[in-house]
Protein backbone atom coordinates (compact mmCIF):
# COMPACT_ATOMS: atom_id res chain seq x y z
CA UNK A 1 49.78 -168.32 36.02
CA UNK A 2 46.52 -169.14 37.94
CA UNK A 3 44.16 -166.37 38.87
CA UNK A 4 43.37 -167.96 42.17
CA UNK A 5 45.35 -167.91 45.16
CA UNK A 6 46.85 -171.02 46.44
CA UNK A 7 44.32 -171.10 49.53
CA UNK A 8 41.16 -170.55 47.51
CA UNK A 9 42.41 -173.37 45.00
CA UNK A 10 42.63 -175.64 47.87
CA UNK A 11 39.35 -175.03 49.68
CA UNK A 12 36.54 -177.48 49.27
CA UNK A 13 33.01 -177.01 48.74
CA UNK A 14 30.71 -178.04 51.84
CA UNK A 15 29.23 -181.17 50.87
CA UNK A 16 26.27 -180.64 53.28
CA UNK A 17 25.46 -177.25 51.59
CA UNK A 18 26.12 -179.16 47.90
CA UNK A 19 23.40 -181.96 48.99
CA UNK A 20 20.91 -179.53 50.29
CA UNK A 21 21.19 -177.39 47.26
CA UNK A 22 20.73 -180.34 44.80
CA UNK A 23 17.84 -181.45 47.16
CA UNK A 24 16.07 -178.34 46.80
CA UNK A 25 16.60 -177.91 42.99
CA UNK A 26 15.23 -181.18 42.48
CA UNK A 27 12.05 -180.29 44.75
CA UNK A 28 11.51 -177.24 43.18
CA UNK A 29 11.67 -178.86 39.78
CA UNK A 30 8.44 -180.97 41.16
CA UNK A 31 10.57 -184.48 41.77
CA UNK A 32 9.31 -186.54 44.92
CA UNK A 33 12.67 -186.26 47.19
CA UNK A 34 12.97 -186.74 50.91
CA UNK A 35 15.83 -184.95 52.54
CA UNK A 36 18.01 -186.31 55.39
CA UNK A 37 20.87 -183.99 54.57
CA UNK A 38 20.42 -180.57 55.98
CA UNK A 39 21.66 -179.59 59.44
CA UNK A 40 18.49 -177.58 59.61
CA UNK A 41 15.30 -177.75 61.94
CA UNK A 42 12.19 -178.25 60.15
CA UNK A 43 10.38 -176.00 62.64
CA UNK A 44 9.55 -172.20 62.06
CA UNK A 45 11.40 -169.69 64.19
CA UNK A 46 9.27 -169.10 67.09
CA UNK A 47 6.87 -166.35 66.99
CA UNK A 48 8.33 -164.16 69.66
CA UNK A 49 11.76 -163.89 68.10
CA UNK A 50 10.20 -162.93 64.60
CA UNK A 51 8.09 -160.37 66.54
CA UNK A 52 11.12 -159.00 68.08
CA UNK A 53 12.95 -158.63 64.54
CA UNK A 54 9.77 -157.07 63.07
CA UNK A 55 9.40 -154.48 65.93
CA UNK A 56 13.07 -153.61 65.31
CA UNK A 57 12.53 -153.00 61.79
CA UNK A 58 9.39 -150.83 62.64
CA UNK A 59 11.49 -148.37 64.99
CA UNK A 60 14.12 -148.01 62.34
CA UNK A 61 16.81 -150.39 63.66
CA UNK A 62 18.02 -150.66 60.15
CA UNK A 63 21.43 -149.07 60.45
CA UNK A 64 24.97 -150.16 61.22
CA UNK A 65 25.69 -151.56 64.55
CA UNK A 66 29.00 -151.84 66.34
CA UNK A 67 30.96 -154.40 63.99
CA UNK A 68 31.15 -156.94 67.03
CA UNK A 69 27.39 -156.70 67.89
CA UNK A 70 25.07 -154.58 69.87
CA UNK A 71 25.42 -154.30 73.73
CA UNK A 72 22.05 -155.56 74.14
CA UNK A 73 22.51 -158.92 72.56
CA UNK A 74 26.13 -158.83 74.05
CA UNK A 75 24.69 -158.61 77.45
CA UNK A 76 21.99 -161.21 76.48
CA UNK A 77 24.78 -163.72 75.95
CA UNK A 78 26.61 -162.96 78.83
CA UNK A 79 23.27 -163.57 80.86
CA UNK A 80 22.93 -166.99 78.87
CA UNK A 81 26.43 -168.16 79.59
CA UNK A 82 26.01 -167.21 83.19
CA UNK A 83 22.53 -168.95 83.86
CA UNK A 84 23.38 -171.91 81.85
CA UNK A 85 27.14 -172.72 82.02
CA UNK A 86 27.95 -170.66 85.06
CA UNK A 87 30.41 -168.87 83.04
CA UNK A 88 31.30 -165.22 83.75
CA UNK A 89 32.31 -162.76 80.71
CA UNK A 90 32.89 -159.25 80.31
CA UNK A 91 31.09 -157.60 77.24
CA UNK A 92 34.53 -156.94 75.77
CA UNK A 93 35.00 -161.14 75.91
CA UNK A 94 31.97 -161.52 73.76
CA UNK A 95 31.70 -161.16 69.83
CA UNK A 96 28.66 -161.63 67.72
CA UNK A 97 29.29 -162.76 64.21
CA UNK A 98 27.26 -163.87 61.12
CA UNK A 99 26.54 -167.45 62.44
CA UNK A 100 28.83 -169.68 64.58
CA UNK A 101 30.74 -170.76 61.46
CA UNK A 102 31.58 -167.19 60.98
CA UNK A 103 32.79 -167.04 64.53
CA UNK A 104 34.99 -169.96 64.14
CA UNK A 105 36.40 -168.95 60.69
CA UNK A 106 37.33 -165.37 62.58
CA UNK A 107 38.91 -167.28 65.36
CA UNK A 108 41.24 -169.40 63.10
CA UNK A 109 42.06 -166.20 61.24
CA UNK A 110 42.94 -164.59 64.56
CA UNK A 111 45.21 -167.25 66.33
CA UNK A 112 46.65 -169.55 63.47
CA UNK A 113 50.00 -168.72 61.79
CA UNK A 114 51.19 -170.85 58.87
CA UNK A 115 52.17 -174.44 60.21
CA UNK A 116 50.14 -174.13 63.32
CA UNK A 117 48.48 -177.50 63.88
CA UNK A 118 44.69 -177.91 65.02
CA UNK A 119 43.45 -181.01 66.28
CA UNK A 120 40.29 -181.93 64.86
CA UNK A 121 38.43 -185.22 66.35
CA UNK A 122 37.20 -187.55 63.73
CA UNK A 123 34.30 -187.60 62.73
CA UNK A 124 34.42 -183.96 62.15
CA UNK A 125 32.28 -181.13 60.95
CA UNK A 126 33.14 -180.42 57.12
CA UNK A 127 34.19 -176.88 57.73
CA UNK A 128 36.78 -177.39 60.56
CA UNK A 129 39.94 -178.51 58.62
CA UNK A 130 38.92 -176.14 55.37
CA UNK A 131 38.91 -173.16 57.78
CA UNK A 132 42.08 -174.39 59.62
CA UNK A 133 43.86 -174.58 56.21
CA UNK A 134 42.38 -171.20 54.99
CA UNK A 135 44.00 -169.56 57.88
CA UNK A 136 47.58 -171.26 57.20
CA UNK A 137 47.03 -174.07 59.73
CA UNK A 138 47.38 -177.60 59.51
CA UNK A 139 44.59 -179.95 60.47
CA UNK A 140 45.88 -183.02 62.51
CA UNK A 141 42.97 -185.77 63.02
CA UNK A 142 42.38 -187.75 66.07
CA UNK A 143 39.80 -190.74 65.76
CA UNK A 144 37.04 -191.00 68.00
CA UNK A 145 36.11 -194.68 67.61
CA UNK A 146 32.81 -195.91 66.56
CA UNK A 147 33.02 -198.66 69.17
CA UNK A 148 32.54 -196.07 71.76
CA UNK A 149 29.91 -194.17 70.15
CA UNK A 150 32.26 -191.89 68.65
CA UNK A 151 33.38 -190.25 71.82
CA UNK A 152 36.56 -188.42 71.91
CA UNK A 153 39.05 -189.19 74.58
CA UNK A 154 41.66 -187.25 76.32
CA UNK A 155 44.34 -190.01 75.70
CA UNK A 156 44.11 -189.71 71.77
CA UNK A 157 44.30 -185.96 72.04
CA UNK A 158 47.23 -186.06 74.09
CA UNK A 159 48.89 -188.38 71.84
CA UNK A 160 48.60 -186.15 69.05
CA UNK A 161 50.15 -182.75 70.54
CA UNK A 162 53.27 -181.85 69.06
CA UNK A 163 55.31 -178.49 69.66
CA UNK A 164 53.46 -176.88 66.64
CA UNK A 165 49.93 -177.68 68.44
CA UNK A 166 48.13 -174.57 68.74
CA UNK A 167 44.37 -175.41 69.02
CA UNK A 168 42.36 -178.35 70.05
CA UNK A 169 38.32 -178.60 68.74
CA UNK A 170 35.94 -179.93 70.90
CA UNK A 171 32.30 -180.18 69.43
CA UNK A 172 29.97 -181.95 71.80
CA UNK A 173 27.28 -182.79 70.89
CA UNK A 174 29.13 -183.51 67.77
CA UNK A 175 28.33 -183.03 63.98
CA UNK A 176 28.05 -185.38 62.37
CA UNK A 177 27.59 -188.26 64.85
CA UNK A 178 25.69 -186.74 67.75
CA UNK A 179 28.14 -187.93 70.23
CA UNK A 180 28.26 -186.34 73.66
CA UNK A 181 31.51 -186.15 75.64
CA UNK A 182 30.82 -186.91 79.21
CA UNK A 183 32.00 -184.80 82.13
CA UNK A 184 34.67 -187.13 83.33
CA UNK A 185 36.43 -187.25 80.01
CA UNK A 186 35.97 -183.37 79.52
CA UNK A 187 37.74 -183.08 82.75
CA UNK A 188 40.70 -185.28 81.29
CA UNK A 189 40.49 -183.02 78.19
CA UNK A 190 40.89 -179.89 80.56
CA UNK A 191 44.04 -181.19 81.94
CA UNK A 192 45.64 -181.96 78.70
CA UNK A 193 44.72 -178.60 77.30
CA UNK A 194 46.29 -176.65 80.59
CA UNK A 195 49.14 -179.04 81.05
CA UNK A 196 50.24 -178.26 77.48
CA UNK A 197 49.23 -174.58 77.45
CA UNK A 198 47.25 -174.84 74.05
CA UNK A 199 43.76 -173.12 73.07
CA UNK A 200 40.47 -175.15 72.90
CA UNK A 201 37.49 -174.14 70.60
CA UNK A 202 34.59 -175.69 72.35
CA UNK A 203 31.81 -175.49 69.70
CA UNK A 204 28.53 -175.91 71.89
CA UNK A 205 26.09 -175.08 68.83
CA UNK A 206 23.92 -178.27 69.72
CA UNK A 207 23.96 -177.97 73.42
CA UNK A 208 20.11 -177.60 74.03
CA UNK A 209 19.80 -180.76 72.09
CA UNK A 210 20.87 -183.56 74.21
CA UNK A 211 18.81 -186.68 75.10
CA UNK A 212 19.13 -188.41 78.59
CA UNK A 213 22.67 -186.76 79.07
CA UNK A 214 23.79 -183.69 80.44
CA UNK A 215 25.65 -181.01 78.56
CA UNK A 216 28.77 -179.77 80.19
CA UNK A 217 30.88 -176.83 78.79
CA UNK A 218 34.46 -177.67 78.64
CA UNK A 219 35.16 -173.84 79.89
CA UNK A 220 33.16 -174.46 83.18
CA UNK A 221 35.72 -176.84 84.57
CA UNK A 222 37.88 -174.36 86.22
CA UNK A 223 39.29 -170.87 85.67
CA UNK A 224 42.66 -172.34 83.98
CA UNK A 225 40.59 -174.26 81.31
CA UNK A 226 38.19 -171.28 80.95
CA UNK A 227 41.23 -168.77 80.21
CA UNK A 228 42.32 -171.24 77.30
CA UNK A 229 38.82 -172.07 76.04
CA UNK A 230 36.85 -170.28 73.23
CA UNK A 231 33.31 -170.95 73.46
CA UNK A 232 31.04 -170.93 70.20
CA UNK A 233 27.57 -171.04 70.15
CA UNK A 234 24.51 -169.62 68.19
CA UNK A 235 20.83 -169.42 67.34
CA UNK A 236 20.34 -171.63 64.31
CA UNK A 237 19.74 -175.04 65.91
CA UNK A 238 18.09 -174.35 69.31
CA UNK A 239 15.82 -171.82 68.03
CA UNK A 240 15.30 -172.93 64.30
CA UNK A 241 17.16 -169.73 63.02
CA UNK A 242 19.46 -171.04 60.39
CA UNK A 243 18.51 -168.33 57.78
CA UNK A 244 19.21 -165.37 60.24
CA UNK A 245 22.83 -166.09 60.48
CA UNK A 246 23.71 -165.21 63.94
CA UNK A 247 26.36 -166.77 66.33
CA UNK A 248 28.79 -165.66 68.89
CA UNK A 249 32.16 -166.52 70.81
CA UNK A 250 33.29 -165.88 74.26
CA UNK A 251 36.58 -166.17 75.53
CA UNK A 252 40.10 -164.36 76.01
CA UNK A 253 39.72 -160.43 75.42
CA UNK A 254 42.66 -160.11 73.26
CA UNK A 255 41.59 -162.84 71.09
CA UNK A 256 37.98 -161.40 70.85
CA UNK A 257 39.44 -157.97 70.12
CA UNK A 258 41.54 -159.47 67.24
CA UNK A 259 38.60 -161.21 65.82
CA UNK A 260 36.64 -157.76 66.00
CA UNK A 261 39.12 -156.14 64.05
CA UNK A 262 39.05 -158.90 61.40
CA UNK A 263 35.27 -158.55 61.48
CA UNK A 264 35.07 -154.96 61.06
CA UNK A 265 37.40 -155.48 57.88
CA UNK A 266 35.14 -158.12 56.43
CA UNK A 267 31.73 -158.43 57.01
CA UNK A 268 30.99 -155.46 59.61
CA UNK A 269 28.15 -156.25 62.03
CA UNK A 270 25.85 -159.01 61.98
CA UNK A 271 22.09 -157.87 60.61
CA UNK A 272 20.84 -155.15 63.04
CA UNK A 273 17.18 -156.37 63.31
CA UNK A 274 18.50 -160.13 63.45
CA UNK A 275 20.35 -159.26 66.68
CA UNK A 276 17.18 -157.81 68.13
CA UNK A 277 15.65 -161.14 67.47
CA UNK A 278 18.59 -162.86 69.17
CA UNK A 279 17.88 -160.90 72.45
CA UNK A 280 14.40 -162.27 72.28
CA UNK A 281 15.62 -165.77 71.85
CA UNK A 282 17.77 -165.70 74.87
CA UNK A 283 15.75 -163.59 77.04
CA UNK A 284 12.31 -164.81 76.38
CA UNK A 285 10.64 -168.08 77.18
CA UNK A 286 12.52 -171.33 76.39
CA UNK A 287 9.62 -173.84 76.16
CA UNK A 288 9.90 -173.71 72.36
CA UNK A 289 13.48 -175.08 72.55
CA UNK A 290 12.39 -178.10 74.83
CA UNK A 291 9.30 -178.77 72.32
CA UNK A 292 11.78 -178.85 69.41
CA UNK A 293 13.92 -181.20 71.53
CA UNK A 294 11.41 -183.60 72.54
CA UNK A 295 10.34 -184.04 68.87
CA UNK A 296 13.94 -184.79 68.07
CA UNK A 297 14.07 -187.21 70.59
CA UNK A 298 11.22 -189.02 69.39
CA UNK A 299 12.64 -189.05 65.90
CA UNK A 300 15.91 -190.35 67.05
CA UNK A 301 14.53 -193.33 68.34
CA UNK A 302 12.56 -194.13 65.29
CA UNK A 303 15.53 -193.59 62.91
CA UNK A 304 18.03 -195.55 64.76
CA UNK A 305 15.83 -198.51 65.25
CA UNK A 306 14.65 -198.61 61.77
CA UNK A 307 18.26 -198.21 60.50
CA UNK A 308 19.56 -201.13 62.63
CA UNK A 309 16.75 -203.19 61.07
CA UNK A 310 18.34 -202.97 57.47
CA UNK A 311 20.64 -205.57 56.64
CA UNK A 312 24.03 -203.93 55.61
CA UNK A 313 23.62 -200.74 57.85
CA UNK A 314 24.72 -200.39 61.46
CA UNK A 315 24.01 -197.31 63.52
CA UNK A 316 25.18 -195.98 66.88
CA UNK A 317 22.49 -194.28 68.93
CA UNK A 318 23.69 -190.57 69.30
CA UNK A 319 23.47 -188.74 72.67
CA UNK A 320 22.64 -185.33 70.84
CA UNK A 321 22.02 -183.13 68.08
CA UNK A 322 19.88 -184.41 65.23
CA UNK A 323 22.13 -186.58 63.20
CA UNK A 324 22.76 -190.22 63.04
CA UNK A 325 25.88 -191.61 61.38
CA UNK A 326 25.29 -194.97 60.10
CA UNK A 327 27.99 -197.56 59.02
CA UNK A 328 26.85 -198.64 55.36
CA UNK A 329 29.96 -200.74 54.57
CA UNK A 330 27.61 -203.67 54.00
CA UNK A 331 26.18 -201.70 51.12
CA UNK A 332 29.51 -200.94 49.39
CA UNK A 333 31.32 -202.85 46.52
CA UNK A 334 30.77 -203.49 42.80
CA UNK A 335 28.49 -201.06 41.24
CA UNK A 336 28.63 -198.76 44.38
CA UNK A 337 32.23 -198.84 45.12
CA UNK A 338 31.95 -195.94 47.68
CA UNK A 339 29.75 -193.56 49.97
CA UNK A 340 29.92 -190.92 47.05
CA UNK A 341 28.43 -193.34 44.74
CA UNK A 342 26.11 -194.43 47.12
CA UNK A 343 24.86 -191.12 47.92
CA UNK A 344 24.40 -190.34 44.10
CA UNK A 345 22.66 -193.83 43.90
CA UNK A 346 20.04 -193.05 46.41
CA UNK A 347 19.17 -189.60 45.43
CA UNK A 348 19.00 -190.46 41.59
CA UNK A 349 17.28 -193.79 42.14
CA UNK A 350 15.20 -193.51 45.02
CA UNK A 351 14.76 -189.90 45.85
CA UNK A 352 16.58 -189.86 49.01
CA UNK A 353 19.33 -187.04 49.84
CA UNK A 354 21.93 -188.25 52.31
CA UNK A 355 25.27 -186.77 53.05
CA UNK A 356 28.30 -189.21 52.08
CA UNK A 357 30.57 -189.77 55.20
CA UNK A 358 33.88 -188.97 53.13
CA UNK A 359 33.27 -185.03 53.98
CA UNK A 360 33.37 -185.95 57.58
CA UNK A 361 36.37 -188.16 57.46
CA UNK A 362 34.32 -191.28 57.44
CA UNK A 363 34.44 -192.95 54.15
CA UNK A 364 32.36 -195.94 55.18
CA UNK A 365 29.62 -194.01 56.90
CA UNK A 366 26.64 -191.53 55.66
CA UNK A 367 25.10 -188.66 57.74
CA UNK A 368 21.38 -188.41 57.86
CA UNK A 369 19.55 -185.71 59.60
CA UNK A 370 16.49 -186.35 61.56
CA UNK A 371 15.48 -182.95 61.65
CA UNK A 372 12.48 -183.88 59.46
CA UNK A 373 8.88 -184.78 60.15
CA UNK A 374 8.25 -188.34 61.33
CA UNK A 375 6.09 -189.13 58.30
CA UNK A 376 8.88 -188.10 55.92
CA UNK A 377 11.54 -189.91 57.85
CA UNK A 378 9.37 -193.04 57.68
CA UNK A 379 8.78 -192.63 54.13
CA UNK A 380 12.47 -191.98 53.48
CA UNK A 381 13.50 -194.98 55.45
CA UNK A 382 11.15 -197.26 53.63
CA UNK A 383 12.77 -196.20 50.36
CA UNK A 384 16.33 -196.61 51.95
CA UNK A 385 15.11 -199.95 53.04
CA UNK A 386 14.10 -201.11 49.53
CA UNK A 387 17.26 -199.53 48.00
CA UNK A 388 19.52 -201.45 50.27
CA UNK A 389 17.58 -204.92 49.36
CA UNK A 390 18.14 -204.09 45.82
CA UNK A 391 21.89 -203.20 46.39
CA UNK A 392 22.55 -206.55 48.31
CA UNK A 393 20.71 -208.43 45.79
């Protein structure tokens, strides 16, 4: 008899975290490696946020808080959602968790029964299907075509709906492609969700990182879609707070209460003094966010242009986030049969860390993060260009 449960045995490791861990180990060992793998801003957390956490420590805010988050942080989140998205929520409709990933995990546990189907656009963030399966759900993948910049369409979603459909995931801007779903298509998606009376998860963790487009929250498109939508966000990307592990969800009060019960029996509250930093992030000056966004926008132009100049690689121009998802089918074959082999080859022979697209449902692509300095990006692309030339012979 196996000592592992079926769900534990079926759970896959996160390829993004695995690549990041290997990259950091190689760098710690003194190897010259350049990382395009981590979904982590290279900026430090802004000083006012760190100062707020230090002040919380100094005044003794080191004890348990309410399991679902402090009233102060919930109030700051409520204000942010009203200010940025025009959304109104009561404090009982907001839960703070140990990162946006934790919020999504708790949501899946709260709403899915065995056999319930979750529609997941492909390419997808690596954790969506695994978290659905851990909750007994069945992932149903819907392709967002590369020819259209990986943008999800309402028609594709509606074609995938069955009597077992419980939840649709919308991630805009998208990880790994950076695609942004426009307002017109979001309105069509809202109509589909309301007509079929399913739930929608709107993962908006990259909402502040858009370039020439406007972020629109699915939940903001009317009271009917807001009632069915769970809005997830966090602090890691916009405020460079990945290690703080702080995220939140807003939505239906009954679902939020169920998530709170699950959280109270698992992690309990997010770190007390980190929550003080979250308040400062949302209520303080936002110029730091714009500074980072502009830097990412400049890097995006460089990496897209340089990738498209490499024979064997084609790269769409993302509308948001800090990722590109280049098609590398021109480099596959022979000694490098697939993107997993390509990722290993680039890391071991060229000192470049990328994430194979297989983990995102894209077996002819790699994900590259441009959350790195321009000099590092250019050095890494020099190496990639040389590697691609050697592979193609």
